[in-house]
PDB file of N, CA and C in Angstrom:
ATOM      1  N   MET A   1     -67.685 -80.146 -28.433  1.00  0.00           N
ATOM      2  CA  MET A   1     -68.523 -81.264 -28.064  1.00  0.00           C
ATOM      3  C   MET A   1     -68.420 -81.480 -26.554  1.00  0.00           C
ATOM      4  N   THR A   2     -69.557 -81.595 -25.895  1.00  0.00           N
ATOM      5  CA  THR A   2     -69.593 -81.842 -24.465  1.00  0.00           C
ATOM      6  C   THR A   2     -69.751 -83.328 -24.216  1.00  0.00           C
ATOM      7  N   HIS A   3     -68.833 -83.889 -23.480  1.00  0.00           N
ATOM      8  CA  HIS A   3     -68.906 -85.290 -23.115  1.00  0.00           C
ATOM      9  C   HIS A   3     -69.706 -85.451 -21.833  1.00  0.00           C
ATOM     10  N   LEU A   4     -70.170 -86.653 -21.602  1.00  0.00           N
ATOM     11  CA  LEU A   4     -70.909 -86.986 -20.393  1.00  0.00           C
ATOM     12  C   LEU A   4     -69.958 -87.689 -19.428  1.00  0.00           C
ATOM     13  N   THR A   5     -69.860 -87.174 -18.218  1.00  0.00           N
ATOM     14  CA  THR A   5     -69.073 -87.809 -17.168  1.00  0.00           C
ATOM     15  C   THR A   5     -70.035 -88.496 -16.222  1.00  0.00           C
ATOM     16  N   VAL A   6     -69.673 -89.698 -15.804  1.00  0.00           N
ATOM     17  CA  VAL A   6     -70.500 -90.466 -14.878  1.00  0.00           C
ATOM     18  C   VAL A   6     -69.640 -90.903 -13.708  1.00  0.00           C
ATOM     19  N   ILE A   7     -70.189 -90.747 -12.527  1.00  0.00           N
ATOM     20  CA  ILE A   7     -69.568 -91.308 -11.336  1.00  0.00           C
ATOM     21  C   ILE A   7     -70.561 -92.334 -10.807  1.00  0.00           C
ATOM     22  N   ALA A   8     -70.173 -93.596 -10.885  1.00  0.00           N
ATOM     23  CA  ALA A   8     -71.016 -94.697 -10.418  1.00  0.00           C
ATOM     24  C   ALA A   8     -70.443 -95.203  -9.105  1.00  0.00           C
ATOM     25  N   THR A   9     -71.239 -95.155  -8.055  1.00  0.00           N
ATOM     26  CA  THR A   9     -70.807 -95.617  -6.748  1.00  0.00           C
ATOM     27  C   THR A   9     -71.536 -96.914  -6.419  1.00  0.00           C
ATOM     28  N   ILE A  10     -70.757 -97.950  -6.138  1.00  0.00           N
ATOM     29  CA  ILE A  10     -71.304 -99.272  -5.848  1.00  0.00           C
ATOM     30  C   ILE A  10     -70.898 -99.642  -4.429  1.00  0.00           C
ATOM     31  N   ASN A  11     -71.878 -99.943  -3.592  1.00  0.00           N
ATOM     32  CA  ASN A  11     -71.609-100.398  -2.238  1.00  0.00           C
ATOM     33  C   ASN A  11     -71.938-101.879  -2.151  1.00  0.00           C
ATOM     34  N   ALA A  12     -70.909-102.689  -1.892  1.00  0.00           N
ATOM     35  CA  ALA A  12     -71.104-104.132  -1.752  1.00  0.00           C
ATOM     36  C   ALA A  12     -71.623-104.448  -0.359  1.00  0.00           C
ATOM     37  N   ARG A  13     -72.341-105.539  -0.267  1.00  0.00           N
ATOM     38  CA  ARG A  13     -72.760-106.015   1.047  1.00  0.00           C
ATOM     39  C   ARG A  13     -71.505-106.485   1.792  1.00  0.00           C
ATOM     40  N   PRO A  14     -71.386-106.171   3.075  1.00  0.00           N
ATOM     41  CA  PRO A  14     -70.215-106.628   3.843  1.00  0.00           C
ATOM     42  C   PRO A  14     -70.042-108.141   3.708  1.00  0.00           C
ATOM     43  N   GLY A  15     -68.822-108.535   3.439  1.00  0.00           N
ATOM     44  CA  GLY A  15     -68.510-109.945   3.228  1.00  0.00           C
ATOM     45  C   GLY A  15     -68.512-110.346   1.766  1.00  0.00           C
ATOM     46  N   ASP A  16     -69.127-109.554   0.910  1.00  0.00           N
ATOM     47  CA  ASP A  16     -69.195-109.855  -0.527  1.00  0.00           C
ATOM     48  C   ASP A  16     -68.272-108.964  -1.363  1.00  0.00           C
ATOM     49  N   GLU A  17     -67.491-108.123  -0.704  1.00  0.00           N
ATOM     50  CA  GLU A  17     -66.713-107.129  -1.447  1.00  0.00           C
ATOM     51  C   GLU A  17     -65.704-107.736  -2.419  1.00  0.00           C
ATOM     52  N   ASP A  18     -65.087-108.867  -2.088  1.00  0.00           N
ATOM     53  CA  ASP A  18     -64.111-109.456  -3.007  1.00  0.00           C
ATOM     54  C   ASP A  18     -64.790-109.982  -4.272  1.00  0.00           C
ATOM     55  N   GLN A  19     -65.955-110.591  -4.128  1.00  0.00           N
ATOM     56  CA  GLN A  19     -66.692-111.089  -5.298  1.00  0.00           C
ATOM     57  C   GLN A  19     -67.216-109.930  -6.145  1.00  0.00           C
ATOM     58  N   VAL A  20     -67.680-108.871  -5.493  1.00  0.00           N
ATOM     59  CA  VAL A  20     -68.143-107.693  -6.234  1.00  0.00           C
ATOM     60  C   VAL A  20     -66.975-107.066  -6.983  1.00  0.00           C
ATOM     61  N   LEU A  21     -65.832-106.933  -6.316  1.00  0.00           N
ATOM     62  CA  LEU A  21     -64.653-106.367  -6.967  1.00  0.00           C
ATOM     63  C   LEU A  21     -64.267-107.186  -8.197  1.00  0.00           C
ATOM     64  N   ALA A  22     -64.274-108.499  -8.077  1.00  0.00           N
ATOM     65  CA  ALA A  22     -63.938-109.349  -9.225  1.00  0.00           C
ATOM     66  C   ALA A  22     -64.921-109.117 -10.375  1.00  0.00           C
ATOM     67  N   GLY A  23     -66.199-109.021 -10.053  1.00  0.00           N
ATOM     68  CA  GLY A  23     -67.196-108.759 -11.088  1.00  0.00           C
ATOM     69  C   GLY A  23     -66.998-107.408 -11.745  1.00  0.00           C
ATOM     70  N   LEU A  24     -66.693-106.398 -10.953  1.00  0.00           N
ATOM     71  CA  LEU A  24     -66.485-105.052 -11.500  1.00  0.00           C
ATOM     72  C   LEU A  24     -65.228-104.993 -12.355  1.00  0.00           C
ATOM     73  N   ARG A  25     -64.173-105.651 -11.908  1.00  0.00           N
ATOM     74  CA  ARG A  25     -62.946-105.693 -12.722  1.00  0.00           C
ATOM     75  C   ARG A  25     -63.210-106.322 -14.083  1.00  0.00           C
ATOM     76  N   GLY A  26     -64.097-107.305 -14.110  1.00  0.00           N
ATOM     77  CA  GLY A  26     -64.424-107.973 -15.367  1.00  0.00           C
ATOM     78  C   GLY A  26     -65.151-107.088 -16.367  1.00  0.00           C
ATOM     79  N   LEU A  27     -65.656-105.950 -15.914  1.00  0.00           N
ATOM     80  CA  LEU A  27     -66.348-105.021 -16.808  1.00  0.00           C
ATOM     81  C   LEU A  27     -65.395-104.074 -17.536  1.00  0.00           C
ATOM     82  N   ILE A  28     -64.198-103.916 -17.024  1.00  0.00           N
ATOM     83  CA  ILE A  28     -63.301-102.877 -17.530  1.00  0.00           C
ATOM     84  C   ILE A  28     -62.935-103.080 -19.004  1.00  0.00           C
ATOM     85  N   ALA A  29     -62.370-104.215 -19.353  1.00  0.00           N
ATOM     86  CA  ALA A  29     -61.913-104.421 -20.739  1.00  0.00           C
ATOM     87  C   ALA A  29     -63.052-104.345 -21.755  1.00  0.00           C
ATOM     88  N   PRO A  30     -64.180-105.051 -21.549  1.00  0.00           N
ATOM     89  CA  PRO A  30     -65.234-104.952 -22.571  1.00  0.00           C
ATOM     90  C   PRO A  30     -65.848-103.559 -22.656  1.00  0.00           C
ATOM     91  N   THR A  31     -65.905-102.859 -21.546  1.00  0.00           N
ATOM     92  CA  THR A  31     -66.476-101.509 -21.586  1.00  0.00           C
ATOM     93  C   THR A  31     -65.547-100.546 -22.306  1.00  0.00           C
ATOM     94  N   ARG A  32     -64.264-100.635 -22.038  1.00  0.00           N
ATOM     95  CA  ARG A  32     -63.313 -99.750 -22.722  1.00  0.00           C
ATOM     96  C   ARG A  32     -63.316 -99.976 -24.227  1.00  0.00           C
ATOM     97  N   ALA A  33     -63.728-101.162 -24.660  1.00  0.00           N
ATOM     98  CA  ALA A  33     -63.796-101.472 -26.093  1.00  0.00           C
ATOM     99  C   ALA A  33     -65.093-100.988 -26.736  1.00  0.00           C
ATOM    100  N   GLU A  34     -66.043-100.521 -25.928  1.00  0.00           N
ATOM    101  CA  GLU A  34     -67.329-100.068 -26.459  1.00  0.00           C
ATOM    102  C   GLU A  34     -67.187 -98.771 -27.244  1.00  0.00           C
ATOM    103  N   ASN A  35     -67.993 -98.657 -28.292  1.00  0.00           N
ATOM    104  CA  ASN A  35     -68.077 -97.418 -29.054  1.00  0.00           C
ATOM    105  C   ASN A  35     -68.582 -96.305 -28.135  1.00  0.00           C
ATOM    106  N   GLY A  36     -67.894 -95.188 -28.101  1.00  0.00           N
ATOM    107  CA  GLY A  36     -68.320 -94.045 -27.301  1.00  0.00           C
ATOM    108  C   GLY A  36     -67.700 -93.957 -25.927  1.00  0.00           C
ATOM    109  N   CYS A  37     -66.969 -94.995 -25.501  1.00  0.00           N
ATOM    110  CA  CYS A  37     -66.314 -94.958 -24.194  1.00  0.00           C
ATOM    111  C   CYS A  37     -64.977 -94.230 -24.319  1.00  0.00           C
ATOM    112  N   ILE A  38     -64.837 -93.168 -23.562  1.00  0.00           N
ATOM    113  CA  ILE A  38     -63.595 -92.398 -23.557  1.00  0.00           C
ATOM    114  C   ILE A  38     -62.737 -92.783 -22.356  1.00  0.00           C
ATOM    115  N   ARG A  39     -63.393 -93.009 -21.224  1.00  0.00           N
ATOM    116  CA  ARG A  39     -62.681 -93.349 -19.991  1.00  0.00           C
ATOM    117  C   ARG A  39     -63.583 -94.234 -19.146  1.00  0.00           C
ATOM    118  N   TYR A  40     -62.978 -95.243 -18.495  1.00  0.00           N
ATOM    119  CA  TYR A  40     -63.729 -96.150 -17.624  1.00  0.00           C
ATOM    120  C   TYR A  40     -62.750 -96.692 -16.592  1.00  0.00           C
ATOM    121  N   ASP A  41     -62.679 -96.032 -15.446  1.00  0.00           N
ATOM    122  CA  ASP A  41     -61.694 -96.363 -14.422  1.00  0.00           C
ATOM    123  C   ASP A  41     -62.379 -96.761 -13.124  1.00  0.00           C
ATOM    124  N   LEU A  42     -61.928 -97.876 -12.550  1.00  0.00           N
ATOM    125  CA  LEU A  42     -62.476 -98.386 -11.300  1.00  0.00           C
ATOM    126  C   LEU A  42     -61.581 -97.979 -10.138  1.00  0.00           C
ATOM    127  N   HIS A  43     -62.206 -97.543  -9.051  1.00  0.00           N
ATOM    128  CA  HIS A  43     -61.493 -97.147  -7.834  1.00  0.00           C
ATOM    129  C   HIS A  43     -62.125 -97.843  -6.636  1.00  0.00           C
ATOM    130  N   ARG A  44     -61.309 -98.061  -5.597  1.00  0.00           N
ATOM    131  CA  ARG A  44     -61.813 -98.597  -4.328  1.00  0.00           C
ATOM    132  C   ARG A  44     -61.599 -97.531  -3.266  1.00  0.00           C
ATOM    133  N   ASP A  45     -62.622 -97.284  -2.477  1.00  0.00           N
ATOM    134  CA  ASP A  45     -62.576 -96.285  -1.415  1.00  0.00           C
ATOM    135  C   ASP A  45     -61.571 -96.719  -0.347  1.00  0.00           C
ATOM    136  N   LEU A  46     -60.637 -95.856  -0.002  1.00  0.00           N
ATOM    137  CA  LEU A  46     -59.627 -96.182   1.003  1.00  0.00           C
ATOM    138  C   LEU A  46     -60.198 -96.227   2.415  1.00  0.00           C
ATOM    139  N   GLU A  47     -61.350 -95.617   2.611  1.00  0.00           N
ATOM    140  CA  GLU A  47     -61.952 -95.586   3.944  1.00  0.00           C
ATOM    141  C   GLU A  47     -63.082 -96.597   4.119  1.00  0.00           C
ATOM    142  N   SER A  48     -63.509 -97.225   3.039  1.00  0.00           N
ATOM    143  CA  SER A  48     -64.581 -98.213   3.107  1.00  0.00           C
ATOM    144  C   SER A  48     -64.301 -99.307   2.082  1.00  0.00           C
ATOM    145  N   SER A  49     -63.909-100.486   2.555  1.00  0.00           N
ATOM    146  CA  SER A  49     -63.518-101.566   1.650  1.00  0.00           C
ATOM    147  C   SER A  49     -64.693-102.127   0.847  1.00  0.00           C
ATOM    148  N   THR A  50     -65.906-101.726   1.191  1.00  0.00           N
ATOM    149  CA  THR A  50     -67.077-102.207   0.461  1.00  0.00           C
ATOM    150  C   THR A  50     -67.551-101.221  -0.607  1.00  0.00           C
ATOM    151  N   ARG A  51     -66.892-100.074  -0.732  1.00  0.00           N
ATOM    152  CA  ARG A  51     -67.330 -99.041  -1.686  1.00  0.00           C
ATOM    153  C   ARG A  51     -66.376 -98.959  -2.868  1.00  0.00           C
ATOM    154  N   PHE A  52     -66.966 -99.018  -4.071  1.00  0.00           N
ATOM    155  CA  PHE A  52     -66.226 -98.930  -5.324  1.00  0.00           C
ATOM    156  C   PHE A  52     -66.816 -97.802  -6.159  1.00  0.00           C
ATOM    157  N   VAL A  53     -65.955 -97.157  -6.932  1.00  0.00           N
ATOM    158  CA  VAL A  53     -66.406 -96.031  -7.748  1.00  0.00           C
ATOM    159  C   VAL A  53     -65.825 -96.171  -9.148  1.00  0.00           C
ATOM    160  N   PHE A  54     -66.712 -96.093 -10.137  1.00  0.00           N
ATOM    161  CA  PHE A  54     -66.271 -95.980 -11.525  1.00  0.00           C
ATOM    162  C   PHE A  54     -66.305 -94.509 -11.903  1.00  0.00           C
ATOM    163  N   TYR A  55     -65.225 -94.033 -12.499  1.00  0.00           N
ATOM    164  CA  TYR A  55     -65.176 -92.695 -13.084  1.00  0.00           C
ATOM    165  C   TYR A  55     -65.186 -92.928 -14.587  1.00  0.00           C
ATOM    166  N   GLU A  56     -66.233 -92.442 -15.240  1.00  0.00           N
ATOM    167  CA  GLU A  56     -66.460 -92.751 -16.647  1.00  0.00           C
ATOM    168  C   GLU A  56     -66.638 -91.475 -17.461  1.00  0.00           C
ATOM    169  N   THR A  57     -66.208 -91.528 -18.704  1.00  0.00           N
ATOM    170  CA  THR A  57     -66.489 -90.450 -19.644  1.00  0.00           C
ATOM    171  C   THR A  57     -66.993 -91.089 -20.936  1.00  0.00           C
ATOM    172  N   TRP A  58     -68.134 -90.573 -21.405  1.00  0.00           N
ATOM    173  CA  TRP A  58     -68.799 -91.088 -22.594  1.00  0.00           C
ATOM    174  C   TRP A  58     -68.968 -89.969 -23.616  1.00  0.00           C
ATOM    175  N   GLU A  59     -68.982 -90.327 -24.873  1.00  0.00           N
ATOM    176  CA  GLU A  59     -69.185 -89.344 -25.933  1.00  0.00           C
ATOM    177  C   GLU A  59     -70.568 -88.708 -25.844  1.00  0.00           C
ATOM    178  N   SER A  60     -71.560 -89.479 -25.368  1.00  0.00           N
ATOM    179  CA  SER A  60     -72.920 -88.943 -25.298  1.00  0.00           C
ATOM    180  C   SER A  60     -73.756 -89.776 -24.330  1.00  0.00           C
ATOM    181  N   ALA A  61     -74.918 -89.258 -23.975  1.00  0.00           N
ATOM    182  CA  ALA A  61     -75.863 -89.995 -23.134  1.00  0.00           C
ATOM    183  C   ALA A  61     -76.329 -91.258 -23.836  1.00  0.00           C
ATOM    184  N   ALA A  62     -76.475 -91.212 -25.158  1.00  0.00           N
ATOM    185  CA  ALA A  62     -76.895 -92.396 -25.915  1.00  0.00           C
ATOM    186  C   ALA A  62     -75.867 -93.517 -25.791  1.00  0.00           C
ATOM    187  N   HIS A  63     -74.578 -93.170 -25.812  1.00  0.00           N
ATOM    188  CA  HIS A  63     -73.538 -94.181 -25.633  1.00  0.00           C
ATOM    189  C   HIS A  63     -73.621 -94.799 -24.238  1.00  0.00           C
ATOM    190  N   LEU A  64     -73.871 -93.977 -23.236  1.00  0.00           N
ATOM    191  CA  LEU A  64     -74.018 -94.495 -21.873  1.00  0.00           C
ATOM    192  C   LEU A  64     -75.201 -95.445 -21.794  1.00  0.00           C
ATOM    193  N   GLU A  65     -76.319 -95.074 -22.374  1.00  0.00           N
ATOM    194  CA  GLU A  65     -77.510 -95.928 -22.319  1.00  0.00           C
ATOM    195  C   GLU A  65     -77.259 -97.276 -23.000  1.00  0.00           C
ATOM    196  N   ARG A  66     -76.558 -97.261 -24.139  1.00  0.00           N
ATOM    197  CA  ARG A  66     -76.210 -98.527 -24.804  1.00  0.00           C
ATOM    198  C   ARG A  66     -75.307 -99.365 -23.901  1.00  0.00           C
ATOM    199  N   HIS A  67     -74.387 -98.713 -23.206  1.00  0.00           N
ATOM    200  CA  HIS A  67     -73.504 -99.410 -22.265  1.00  0.00           C
ATOM    201  C   HIS A  67     -74.317-100.075 -21.157  1.00  0.00           C
ATOM    202  N   LEU A  68     -75.258 -99.356 -20.591  1.00  0.00           N
ATOM    203  CA  LEU A  68     -76.050 -99.896 -19.483  1.00  0.00           C
ATOM    204  C   LEU A  68     -76.901-101.088 -19.909  1.00  0.00           C
ATOM    205  N   ASP A  69     -77.212-101.176 -21.194  1.00  0.00           N
ATOM    206  CA  ASP A  69     -77.993-102.298 -21.730  1.00  0.00           C
ATOM    207  C   ASP A  69     -77.124-103.374 -22.383  1.00  0.00           C
ATOM    208  N   SER A  70     -75.798-103.201 -22.329  1.00  0.00           N
ATOM    209  CA  SER A  70     -74.898-104.145 -23.004  1.00  0.00           C
ATOM    210  C   SER A  70     -74.928-105.516 -22.328  1.00  0.00           C
ATOM    211  N   ASP A  71     -74.570-106.537 -23.092  1.00  0.00           N
ATOM    212  CA  ASP A  71     -74.589-107.905 -22.586  1.00  0.00           C
ATOM    213  C   ASP A  71     -73.708-108.085 -21.354  1.00  0.00           C
ATOM    214  N   HIS A  72     -72.493-107.511 -21.371  1.00  0.00           N
ATOM    215  CA  HIS A  72     -71.602-107.731 -20.231  1.00  0.00           C
ATOM    216  C   HIS A  72     -72.110-107.042 -18.960  1.00  0.00           C
ATOM    217  N   ILE A  73     -72.797-105.921 -19.099  1.00  0.00           N
ATOM    218  CA  ILE A  73     -73.381-105.265 -17.918  1.00  0.00           C
ATOM    219  C   ILE A  73     -74.561-106.083 -17.408  1.00  0.00           C
ATOM    220  N   VAL A  74     -75.422-106.533 -18.295  1.00  0.00           N
ATOM    221  CA  VAL A  74     -76.596-107.318 -17.890  1.00  0.00           C
ATOM    222  C   VAL A  74     -76.160-108.623 -17.222  1.00  0.00           C
ATOM    223  N   ARG A  75     -75.196-109.333 -17.815  1.00  0.00           N
ATOM    224  CA  ARG A  75     -74.712-110.593 -17.225  1.00  0.00           C
ATOM    225  C   ARG A  75     -74.085-110.354 -15.852  1.00  0.00           C
ATOM    226  N   ASN A  76     -73.314-109.288 -15.729  1.00  0.00           N
ATOM    227  CA  ASN A  76     -72.669-108.992 -14.444  1.00  0.00           C
ATOM    228  C   ASN A  76     -73.714-108.639 -13.385  1.00  0.00           C
ATOM    229  N   ARG A  77     -74.728-107.901 -13.781  1.00  0.00           N
ATOM    230  CA  ARG A  77     -75.812-107.547 -12.852  1.00  0.00           C
ATOM    231  C   ARG A  77     -76.499-108.815 -12.335  1.00  0.00           C
ATOM    232  N   GLU A  78     -76.702-109.781 -13.223  1.00  0.00           N
ATOM    233  CA  GLU A  78     -77.313-111.052 -12.819  1.00  0.00           C
ATOM    234  C   GLU A  78     -76.393-111.833 -11.884  1.00  0.00           C
ATOM    235  N   ARG A  79     -75.092-111.751 -12.122  1.00  0.00           N
ATOM    236  CA  ARG A  79     -74.105-112.507 -11.350  1.00  0.00           C
ATOM    237  C   ARG A  79     -73.885-111.929  -9.951  1.00  0.00           C
ATOM    238  N   ILE A  80     -73.762-110.606  -9.837  1.00  0.00           N
ATOM    239  CA  ILE A  80     -73.398-110.018  -8.539  1.00  0.00           C
ATOM    240  C   ILE A  80     -74.448-109.061  -7.983  1.00  0.00           C
ATOM    241  N   GLY A  81     -75.547-108.896  -8.680  1.00  0.00           N
ATOM    242  CA  GLY A  81     -76.559-107.926  -8.261  1.00  0.00           C
ATOM    243  C   GLY A  81     -77.053-108.114  -6.845  1.00  0.00           C
ATOM    244  N   ASN A  82     -77.186-109.356  -6.401  1.00  0.00           N
ATOM    245  CA  ASN A  82     -77.680-109.594  -5.040  1.00  0.00           C
ATOM    246  C   ASN A  82     -76.611-109.349  -3.980  1.00  0.00           C
ATOM    247  N   MET A  83     -75.365-109.098  -4.398  1.00  0.00           N
ATOM    248  CA  MET A  83     -74.281-108.788  -3.464  1.00  0.00           C
ATOM    249  C   MET A  83     -74.069-107.287  -3.311  1.00  0.00           C
ATOM    250  N   ILE A  84     -74.854-106.510  -4.053  1.00  0.00           N
ATOM    251  CA  ILE A  84     -74.710-105.055  -4.027  1.00  0.00           C
ATOM    252  C   ILE A  84     -75.788-104.459  -3.138  1.00  0.00           C
ATOM    253  N   GLU A  85     -75.337-103.687  -2.176  1.00  0.00           N
ATOM    254  CA  GLU A  85     -76.252-103.019  -1.245  1.00  0.00           C
ATOM    255  C   GLU A  85     -76.895-101.790  -1.883  1.00  0.00           C
ATOM    256  N   SER A  86     -76.088-101.031  -2.644  1.00  0.00           N
ATOM    257  CA  SER A  86     -76.635 -99.853  -3.313  1.00  0.00           C
ATOM    258  C   SER A  86     -75.760 -99.480  -4.505  1.00  0.00           C
ATOM    259  N   LEU A  87     -76.388 -98.789  -5.447  1.00  0.00           N
ATOM    260  CA  LEU A  87     -75.700 -98.311  -6.637  1.00  0.00           C
ATOM    261  C   LEU A  87     -76.290 -96.953  -6.989  1.00  0.00           C
ATOM    262  N   THR A  88     -75.429 -95.971  -7.157  1.00  0.00           N
ATOM    263  CA  THR A  88     -75.894 -94.650  -7.592  1.00  0.00           C
ATOM    264  C   THR A  88     -75.088 -94.214  -8.807  1.00  0.00           C
ATOM    265  N   LEU A  89     -75.776 -93.565  -9.729  1.00  0.00           N
ATOM    266  CA  LEU A  89     -75.131 -93.000 -10.913  1.00  0.00           C
ATOM    267  C   LEU A  89     -75.314 -91.490 -10.874  1.00  0.00           C
ATOM    268  N   MET A  90     -74.218 -90.785 -10.939  1.00  0.00           N
ATOM    269  CA  MET A  90     -74.269 -89.333 -11.033  1.00  0.00           C
ATOM    270  C   MET A  90     -73.828 -88.979 -12.455  1.00  0.00           C
ATOM    271  N   ARG A  91     -74.723 -88.362 -13.206  1.00  0.00           N
ATOM    272  CA  ARG A  91     -74.421 -87.937 -14.572  1.00  0.00           C
ATOM    273  C   ARG A  91     -74.044 -86.459 -14.528  1.00  0.00           C
ATOM    274  N   LEU A  92     -72.877 -86.141 -15.065  1.00  0.00           N
ATOM    275  CA  LEU A  92     -72.342 -84.789 -14.968  1.00  0.00           C
ATOM    276  C   LEU A  92     -71.980 -84.229 -16.341  1.00  0.00           C
ATOM    277  N   GLU A  93     -72.169 -82.941 -16.474  1.00  0.00           N
ATOM    278  CA  GLU A  93     -71.745 -82.231 -17.672  1.00  0.00           C
ATOM    279  C   GLU A  93     -70.755 -81.166 -17.224  1.00  0.00           C
ATOM    280  N   ARG A  94     -69.631 -81.113 -17.874  1.00  0.00           N
ATOM    281  CA  ARG A  94     -68.561 -80.186 -17.490  1.00  0.00           C
ATOM    282  C   ARG A  94     -68.938 -78.753 -17.856  1.00  0.00           C
ATOM    283  N   GLU A  95     -68.703 -77.857 -16.943  1.00  0.00           N
ATOM    284  CA  GLU A  95     -68.937 -76.429 -17.162  1.00  0.00           C
ATOM    285  C   GLU A  95     -67.616 -75.751 -17.462  1.00  0.00           C
ATOM    286  N   GLU A  96     -67.618 -74.936 -18.456  1.00  0.00           N
ATOM    287  CA  GLU A  96     -66.422 -74.184 -18.842  1.00  0.00           C
ATOM    288  C   GLU A  96     -66.478 -72.804 -18.213  1.00  0.00           C
ATOM    289  N   ALA A  97     -65.324 -72.256 -17.925  1.00  0.00           N
ATOM    290  CA  ALA A  97     -65.250 -70.887 -17.396  1.00  0.00           C
ATOM    291  C   ALA A  97     -65.675 -69.908 -18.491  1.00  0.00           C
ATOM    292  N   PRO A  98     -66.357 -68.836 -18.109  1.00  0.00           N
ATOM    293  CA  PRO A  98     -66.795 -67.863 -19.120  1.00  0.00           C
ATOM    294  C   PRO A  98     -65.624 -67.128 -19.741  1.00  0.00           C
TER     295      PRO A  98
END
């Protein structure tokens, strides 16, 4: 079974990074409890205090899509969305050696 890996990069607006970090931390526990979530880890860039990265592993793309539409993600987006300068999602599939 091939899992889906996601790298989500969130850039907070300068001055809003502490509030964005608090909002992102609040996503960890409910997301880890979601069906299909294998890994959901938050990181802060050591060279840019406004950049945060989630490293995620999901059982499938369908599980990721349900996560993106979940209540806690939608509420958090409403709460801190205007403090985020940019957000990118990189969806990755692991390649095995031949």
